[in-house]
Amino acid sequence: MSEDILDPQVSEYLESLVPSRDSVLQAMEDYAAREHFPIIGPACGQLCYQVARMINARQVFELGSGFGYSTAWFARAVKENGGGSVHHVVWDAELSKRARKHLSELGYDDIMQYTIGEAVAALNKAPGPFDIVFNDIDKVGYPASLPIIKEKLRSGGVLIIDNMLWSGRIFDRTNLRPNTEAIRLFTEMITTDEDWIVSLVPIRDGLIIATKK
């Protein structure tokens, strides 16, 4: 599991700027902290929500959605944008069940689509186009996912991809493990592709935010 590589004081300050969350979201955050379950956290969640509001996102597809924490931020934005669809996709049936409970309690039943299965294959089958794709699958799968994401994302749409600083492991040139190498390769692929406008935001474990031209 990747960890926050920011100075704890910076992380705490960023989180302090996030408005108060619904009690369901706060309970999810408490569970994640207690059980060491990886979530994007409130500062990244707020950024995802803001991006979705900025581009008036109505169609969002998540690749690797956990128990629905990041999904909730996108669903809130889509609801406030006037409605649409948010796709929650995980391999694990129990995670999907828990996500359904959380997102139902938050009042998002009418915009949610749930899939249990391999996320990139599910995206490949989805009709699209999507306004936002959020990618948080196994890191070794990042490079192969990019062409499919590019096909399914609309022009002007946004790709958000997590763990791009990988707890600092990307800076260790002796670290040639598959996940680390996959993150390096993905970063090179997207930043050298002229069809994307790309920024790596050094928040939590690093988010790439890329706009498809």
C-alpha atoms as a PDB file:
ATOM      1  CA  MET A   1       0.000   0.000   0.000  1.00  0.00           C
ATOM      2  CA  SER A   2       1.331   3.420  -0.936  1.00  0.00           C
ATOM      3  CA  GLU A   3       1.768   6.072   1.716  1.00  0.00           C
ATOM      4  CA  ASP A   4       1.620   9.845   1.747  1.00  0.00           C
ATOM      5  CA  ILE A   5       5.123  11.190   1.013  1.00  0.00           C
ATOM      6  CA  LEU A   6       4.244  14.805   1.796  1.00  0.00           C
ATOM      7  CA  ASP A   7       5.373  16.395   5.028  1.00  0.00           C
ATOM      8  CA  PRO A   8       2.661  15.481   7.566  1.00  0.00           C
ATOM      9  CA  GLN A   9       2.187  19.156   8.382  1.00  0.00           C
ATOM     10  CA  VAL A  10       1.423  19.894   4.723  1.00  0.00           C
ATOM     11  CA  SER A  11      -0.981  16.960   4.472  1.00  0.00           C
ATOM     12  CA  GLU A  12      -2.801  17.991   7.630  1.00  0.00           C
ATOM     13  CA  TYR A  13      -3.079  21.553   6.383  1.00  0.00           C
ATOM     14  CA  LEU A  14      -4.476  20.457   3.003  1.00  0.00           C
ATOM     15  CA  GLU A  15      -7.057  18.257   4.701  1.00  0.00           C
ATOM     16  CA  SER A  16      -8.002  21.086   7.067  1.00  0.00           C
ATOM     17  CA  LEU A  17      -9.066  23.152   4.046  1.00  0.00           C
ATOM     18  CA  VAL A  18     -11.566  20.534   2.866  1.00  0.00           C
ATOM     19  CA  PRO A  19     -15.136  21.399   3.910  1.00  0.00           C
ATOM     20  CA  SER A  20     -16.897  19.150   6.420  1.00  0.00           C
ATOM     21  CA  ARG A  21     -17.986  15.842   4.925  1.00  0.00           C
ATOM     22  CA  ASP A  22     -21.171  13.843   5.238  1.00  0.00           C
ATOM     23  CA  SER A  23     -21.119  11.466   8.204  1.00  0.00           C
ATOM     24  CA  VAL A  24     -21.066   8.492   5.809  1.00  0.00           C
ATOM     25  CA  LEU A  25     -17.877   9.761   4.157  1.00  0.00           C
ATOM     26  CA  GLN A  26     -16.326  10.452   7.538  1.00  0.00           C
ATOM     27  CA  ALA A  27     -17.164   6.920   8.654  1.00  0.00           C
ATOM     28  CA  MET A  28     -15.486   5.577   5.515  1.00  0.00           C
ATOM     29  CA  GLU A  29     -12.396   7.631   6.291  1.00  0.00           C
ATOM     30  CA  ASP A  30     -12.343   6.336   9.865  1.00  0.00           C
ATOM     31  CA  TYR A  31     -12.636   2.738   8.659  1.00  0.00           C
ATOM     32  CA  ALA A  32      -9.835   3.218   6.129  1.00  0.00           C
ATOM     33  CA  ALA A  33      -7.527   4.657   8.790  1.00  0.00           C
ATOM     34  CA  ARG A  34      -8.359   1.931  11.271  1.00  0.00           C
ATOM     35  CA  GLU A  35      -8.045  -0.977   8.819  1.00  0.00           C
ATOM     36  CA  HIS A  36      -5.232   0.502   6.673  1.00  0.00           C
ATOM     37  CA  PHE A  37      -7.489   0.347   3.631  1.00  0.00           C
ATOM     38  CA  PRO A  38      -6.155   2.560   0.813  1.00  0.00           C
ATOM     39  CA  ILE A  39      -8.414   5.468  -0.142  1.00  0.00           C
ATOM     40  CA  ILE A  40      -7.591   8.725  -1.889  1.00  0.00           C
ATOM     41  CA  GLY A  41      -8.432  10.760   1.210  1.00  0.00           C
ATOM     42  CA  PRO A  42     -10.339  14.027   1.572  1.00  0.00           C
ATOM     43  CA  ALA A  43      -7.845  16.401  -0.089  1.00  0.00           C
ATOM     44  CA  CYS A  44      -7.678  14.278  -3.256  1.00  0.00           C
ATOM     45  CA  GLY A  45     -11.403  13.634  -3.048  1.00  0.00           C
ATOM     46  CA  GLN A  46     -12.098  17.353  -2.980  1.00  0.00           C
ATOM     47  CA  LEU A  47      -9.844  17.858  -6.018  1.00  0.00           C
ATOM     48  CA  CYS A  48     -11.662  15.107  -7.933  1.00  0.00           C
ATOM     49  CA  TYR A  49     -14.999  16.665  -7.014  1.00  0.00           C
ATOM     50  CA  GLN A  50     -13.791  20.101  -8.114  1.00  0.00           C
ATOM     51  CA  VAL A  51     -12.538  18.848 -11.491  1.00  0.00           C
ATOM     52  CA  ALA A  52     -15.847  17.066 -12.095  1.00  0.00           C
ATOM     53  CA  ARG A  53     -17.783  20.245 -11.308  1.00  0.00           C
ATOM     54  CA  MET A  54     -15.457  22.371 -13.456  1.00  0.00           C
ATOM     55  CA  ILE A  55     -16.084  20.332 -16.591  1.00  0.00           C
ATOM     56  CA  ASN A  56     -19.754  19.641 -15.789  1.00  0.00           C
ATOM     57  CA  ALA A  57     -19.107  15.904 -15.773  1.00  0.00           C
ATOM     58  CA  ARG A  58     -22.201  13.745 -16.288  1.00  0.00           C
ATOM     59  CA  GLN A  59     -20.540  10.426 -17.203  1.00  0.00           C
ATOM     60  CA  VAL A  60     -17.776   9.078 -14.957  1.00  0.00           C
ATOM     61  CA  PHE A  61     -16.054   5.695 -15.105  1.00  0.00           C
ATOM     62  CA  GLU A  62     -13.907   4.428 -12.246  1.00  0.00           C
ATOM     63  CA  LEU A  63     -11.321   1.737 -12.820  1.00  0.00           C
ATOM     64  CA  GLY A  64     -10.777   0.075  -9.452  1.00  0.00           C
ATOM     65  CA  SER A  65     -13.268   1.683  -7.102  1.00  0.00           C
ATOM     66  CA  GLY A  66     -12.643   0.112  -3.690  1.00  0.00           C
ATOM     67  CA  PHE A  67     -15.563   0.401  -1.282  1.00  0.00           C
ATOM     68  CA  GLY A  68     -16.851   3.550  -2.942  1.00  0.00           C
ATOM     69  CA  TYR A  69     -14.948   6.389  -1.268  1.00  0.00           C
ATOM     70  CA  SER A  70     -13.617   8.060  -4.410  1.00  0.00           C
ATOM     71  CA  THR A  71     -16.892   7.170  -6.127  1.00  0.00           C
ATOM     72  CA  ALA A  72     -18.795   9.262  -3.614  1.00  0.00           C
ATOM     73  CA  TRP A  73     -16.881  12.413  -4.541  1.00  0.00           C
ATOM     74  CA  PHE A  74     -17.591  11.927  -8.244  1.00  0.00           C
ATOM     75  CA  ALA A  75     -21.228  11.004  -7.579  1.00  0.00           C
ATOM     76  CA  ARG A  76     -21.759  14.177  -5.591  1.00  0.00           C
ATOM     77  CA  ALA A  77     -20.431  16.247  -8.494  1.00  0.00           C
ATOM     78  CA  VAL A  78     -22.505  14.414 -11.101  1.00  0.00           C
ATOM     79  CA  LYS A  79     -25.634  14.832  -8.980  1.00  0.00           C
ATOM     80  CA  GLU A  80     -24.970  18.550  -8.596  1.00  0.00           C
ATOM     81  CA  ASN A  81     -24.260  18.817 -12.328  1.00  0.00           C
ATOM     82  CA  GLY A  82     -27.788  17.642 -13.067  1.00  0.00           C
ATOM     83  CA  GLY A  83     -27.433  13.863 -13.056  1.00  0.00           C
ATOM     84  CA  GLY A  84     -25.855  11.191 -15.214  1.00  0.00           C
ATOM     85  CA  SER A  85     -24.012   7.932 -14.528  1.00  0.00           C
ATOM     86  CA  VAL A  86     -21.109   6.972 -12.312  1.00  0.00           C
ATOM     87  CA  HIS A  87     -19.618   3.513 -12.902  1.00  0.00           C
ATOM     88  CA  HIS A  88     -18.192   1.702  -9.883  1.00  0.00           C
ATOM     89  CA  VAL A  89     -16.091  -1.287 -10.964  1.00  0.00           C
ATOM     90  CA  VAL A  90     -14.238  -3.786  -8.741  1.00  0.00           C
ATOM     91  CA  TRP A  91     -13.256  -7.443  -8.898  1.00  0.00           C
ATOM     92  CA  ASP A  92     -14.458  -8.156  -5.360  1.00  0.00           C
ATOM     93  CA  ALA A  93     -18.165  -8.782  -4.716  1.00  0.00           C
ATOM     94  CA  GLU A  94     -17.897  -7.838  -1.036  1.00  0.00           C
ATOM     95  CA  LEU A  95     -16.342  -4.458  -1.883  1.00  0.00           C
ATOM     96  CA  SER A  96     -19.105  -3.860  -4.408  1.00  0.00           C
ATOM     97  CA  LYS A  97     -21.720  -4.721  -1.781  1.00  0.00           C
ATOM     98  CA  ARG A  98     -20.189  -2.309   0.709  1.00  0.00           C
ATOM     99  CA  ALA A  99     -19.981   0.417  -1.918  1.00  0.00           C
ATOM    100  CA  ARG A 100     -23.669  -0.029  -2.767  1.00  0.00           C
ATOM    101  CA  LYS A 101     -24.545   0.430   0.904  1.00  0.00           C
ATOM    102  CA  HIS A 102     -22.409   3.553   1.325  1.00  0.00           C
ATOM    103  CA  LEU A 103     -23.525   5.208  -1.894  1.00  0.00           C
ATOM    104  CA  SER A 104     -27.165   4.381  -1.233  1.00  0.00           C
ATOM    105  CA  GLU A 105     -26.908   5.995   2.203  1.00  0.00           C
ATOM    106  CA  LEU A 106     -25.471   9.085   0.502  1.00  0.00           C
ATOM    107  CA  GLY A 107     -28.478   9.227  -1.832  1.00  0.00           C
ATOM    108  CA  TYR A 108     -26.801   8.322  -5.130  1.00  0.00           C
ATOM    109  CA  ASP A 109     -28.769   5.215  -6.137  1.00  0.00           C
ATOM    110  CA  ASP A 110     -30.276   6.880  -9.193  1.00  0.00           C
ATOM    111  CA  ILE A 111     -26.923   7.644 -10.847  1.00  0.00           C
ATOM    112  CA  MET A 112     -24.899   4.558  -9.946  1.00  0.00           C
ATOM    113  CA  GLN A 113     -23.880   1.663 -12.208  1.00  0.00           C
ATOM    114  CA  TYR A 114     -22.114  -1.301 -10.584  1.00  0.00           C
ATOM    115  CA  THR A 115     -19.891  -3.904 -12.243  1.00  0.00           C
ATOM    116  CA  ILE A 116     -18.039  -6.791 -10.630  1.00  0.00           C
ATOM    117  CA  GLY A 117     -15.182  -7.764 -12.884  1.00  0.00           C
ATOM    118  CA  GLU A 118     -11.910  -6.679 -14.446  1.00  0.00           C
ATOM    119  CA  ALA A 119     -12.048  -2.909 -14.734  1.00  0.00           C
ATOM    120  CA  VAL A 120     -10.279  -2.270 -18.047  1.00  0.00           C
ATOM    121  CA  ALA A 121     -12.316  -4.972 -19.779  1.00  0.00           C
ATOM    122  CA  ALA A 122     -15.477  -3.373 -18.372  1.00  0.00           C
ATOM    123  CA  LEU A 123     -14.423   0.033 -19.712  1.00  0.00           C
ATOM    124  CA  ASN A 124     -13.681  -1.496 -23.095  1.00  0.00           C
ATOM    125  CA  LYS A 125     -17.247  -2.829 -23.259  1.00  0.00           C
ATOM    126  CA  ALA A 126     -18.856   0.387 -22.040  1.00  0.00           C
ATOM    127  CA  PRO A 127     -20.386   2.587 -24.750  1.00  0.00           C
ATOM    128  CA  GLY A 128     -18.936   5.908 -23.616  1.00  0.00           C
ATOM    129  CA  PRO A 129     -17.806   8.513 -24.229  1.00  0.00           C
ATOM    130  CA  PHE A 130     -16.987   9.544 -20.678  1.00  0.00           C
ATOM    131  CA  ASP A 131     -16.269  12.939 -19.210  1.00  0.00           C
ATOM    132  CA  ILE A 132     -13.940  11.566 -16.535  1.00  0.00           C
ATOM    133  CA  VAL A 133     -12.063   8.308 -16.131  1.00  0.00           C
ATOM    134  CA  PHE A 134     -10.489   7.665 -12.739  1.00  0.00           C
ATOM    135  CA  ASN A 135      -7.822   4.960 -12.703  1.00  0.00           C
ATOM    136  CA  ASP A 136      -6.698   3.194  -9.527  1.00  0.00           C
ATOM    137  CA  ILE A 137      -6.201  -0.410 -10.663  1.00  0.00           C
ATOM    138  CA  ASP A 138      -3.162  -2.600  -9.983  1.00  0.00           C
ATOM    139  CA  LYS A 139      -0.256  -0.450 -11.054  1.00  0.00           C
ATOM    140  CA  VAL A 140       1.221  -3.044 -13.377  1.00  0.00           C
ATOM    141  CA  GLY A 141      -1.913  -2.628 -15.488  1.00  0.00           C
ATOM    142  CA  TYR A 142      -1.568   1.117 -15.960  1.00  0.00           C
ATOM    143  CA  PRO A 143       0.308   1.180 -19.313  1.00  0.00           C
ATOM    144  CA  ALA A 144      -2.059  -1.230 -21.076  1.00  0.00           C
ATOM    145  CA  SER A 145      -5.079   0.717 -19.848  1.00  0.00           C
ATOM    146  CA  LEU A 146      -4.094   3.997 -21.498  1.00  0.00           C
ATOM    147  CA  PRO A 147      -5.134   3.269 -25.115  1.00  0.00           C
ATOM    148  CA  ILE A 148      -8.576   2.087 -23.987  1.00  0.00           C
ATOM    149  CA  ILE A 149      -9.027   5.097 -21.721  1.00  0.00           C
ATOM    150  CA  LYS A 150      -8.019   7.387 -24.574  1.00  0.00           C
ATOM    151  CA  GLU A 151     -10.607   5.776 -26.845  1.00  0.00           C
ATOM    152  CA  LYS A 152     -13.429   6.025 -24.295  1.00  0.00           C
ATOM    153  CA  LEU A 153     -12.772   9.543 -23.016  1.00  0.00           C
ATOM    154  CA  ARG A 154     -14.353  12.452 -24.865  1.00  0.00           C
ATOM    155  CA  SER A 155     -12.300  15.326 -26.224  1.00  0.00           C
ATOM    156  CA  GLY A 156     -11.951  17.748 -23.343  1.00  0.00           C
ATOM    157  CA  GLY A 157     -12.496  14.915 -20.882  1.00  0.00           C
ATOM    158  CA  VAL A 158     -10.193  14.291 -17.946  1.00  0.00           C
ATOM    159  CA  LEU A 159      -8.193  11.264 -16.825  1.00  0.00           C
ATOM    160  CA  ILE A 160      -7.269  11.197 -13.145  1.00  0.00           C
ATOM    161  CA  ILE A 161      -4.799   8.507 -12.119  1.00  0.00           C
ATOM    162  CA  ASP A 162      -3.641   7.735  -8.598  1.00  0.00           C
ATOM    163  CA  ASN A 163      -0.326   6.720  -6.986  1.00  0.00           C
ATOM    164  CA  MET A 164       1.935   8.368  -9.529  1.00  0.00           C
ATOM    165  CA  LEU A 165       4.627   9.138  -6.928  1.00  0.00           C
ATOM    166  CA  TRP A 166       4.363   5.590  -5.532  1.00  0.00           C
ATOM    167  CA  SER A 167       5.602   6.523  -2.054  1.00  0.00           C
ATOM    168  CA  GLY A 168       8.802   7.822  -3.645  1.00  0.00           C
ATOM    169  CA  ARG A 169       9.780   4.442  -5.070  1.00  0.00           C
ATOM    170  CA  ILE A 170       9.851   5.876  -8.603  1.00  0.00           C
ATOM    171  CA  PHE A 171      12.917   7.924  -7.590  1.00  0.00           C
ATOM    172  CA  ASP A 172      14.913   4.838  -6.580  1.00  0.00           C
ATOM    173  CA  ARG A 173      16.600   3.729  -9.805  1.00  0.00           C
ATOM    174  CA  THR A 174      17.504   0.397  -8.227  1.00  0.00           C
ATOM    175  CA  ASN A 175      13.799  -0.360  -7.791  1.00  0.00           C
ATOM    176  CA  LEU A 176      12.888  -2.307 -10.911  1.00  0.00           C
ATOM    177  CA  ARG A 177       9.816  -4.025  -9.550  1.00  0.00           C
ATOM    178  CA  PRO A 178       6.941  -4.439 -12.034  1.00  0.00           C
ATOM    179  CA  ASN A 179       4.583  -1.948 -10.361  1.00  0.00           C
ATOM    180  CA  THR A 180       7.267   0.728 -10.106  1.00  0.00           C
ATOM    181  CA  GLU A 181       8.384   0.234 -13.694  1.00  0.00           C
ATOM    182  CA  ALA A 182       4.762   0.320 -14.864  1.00  0.00           C
ATOM    183  CA  ILE A 183       4.205   3.704 -13.213  1.00  0.00           C
ATOM    184  CA  ARG A 184       7.386   5.057 -14.808  1.00  0.00           C
ATOM    185  CA  LEU A 185       6.310   3.745 -18.219  1.00  0.00           C
ATOM    186  CA  PHE A 186       2.786   5.120 -17.923  1.00  0.00           C
ATOM    187  CA  THR A 187       4.130   8.538 -16.936  1.00  0.00           C
ATOM    188  CA  GLU A 188       6.421   8.569 -19.953  1.00  0.00           C
ATOM    189  CA  MET A 189       3.640   7.394 -22.268  1.00  0.00           C
ATOM    190  CA  ILE A 190       1.123  10.047 -21.308  1.00  0.00           C
ATOM    191  CA  THR A 191       3.533  12.977 -20.950  1.00  0.00           C
ATOM    192  CA  THR A 192       5.044  12.363 -24.391  1.00  0.00           C
ATOM    193  CA  ASP A 193       1.690  11.874 -26.147  1.00  0.00           C
ATOM    194  CA  GLU A 194       0.702  15.154 -27.833  1.00  0.00           C
ATOM    195  CA  ASP A 195      -2.991  14.261 -27.491  1.00  0.00           C
ATOM    196  CA  TRP A 196      -2.865  14.942 -23.744  1.00  0.00           C
ATOM    197  CA  ILE A 197      -2.341  18.015 -21.542  1.00  0.00           C
ATOM    198  CA  VAL A 198      -0.806  16.594 -18.370  1.00  0.00           C
ATOM    199  CA  SER A 199       0.031  17.747 -14.850  1.00  0.00           C
ATOM    200  CA  LEU A 200       1.265  15.639 -11.955  1.00  0.00           C
ATOM    201  CA  VAL A 201      -0.147  17.096  -8.758  1.00  0.00           C
ATOM    202  CA  PRO A 202       2.061  16.235  -5.743  1.00  0.00           C
ATOM    203  CA  ILE A 203      -0.813  15.679  -3.341  1.00  0.00           C
ATOM    204  CA  ARG A 204      -0.911  12.563  -1.123  1.00  0.00           C
ATOM    205  CA  ASP A 205       0.733   9.902  -3.362  1.00  0.00           C
ATOM    206  CA  GLY A 206       0.606  11.924  -6.588  1.00  0.00           C
ATOM    207  CA  LEU A 207      -2.326  12.417  -8.948  1.00  0.00           C
ATOM    208  CA  ILE A 208      -1.904  12.819 -12.671  1.00  0.00           C
ATOM    209  CA  ILE A 209      -4.640  15.001 -14.096  1.00  0.00           C
ATOM    210  CA  ALA A 210      -4.665  14.808 -17.894  1.00  0.00           C
ATOM    211  CA  THR A 211      -7.027  16.456 -20.363  1.00  0.00           C
ATOM    212  CA  LYS A 212      -7.627  14.774 -23.702  1.00  0.00           C
ATOM    213  CA  LYS A 213      -7.277  17.342 -26.479  1.00  0.00           C
END
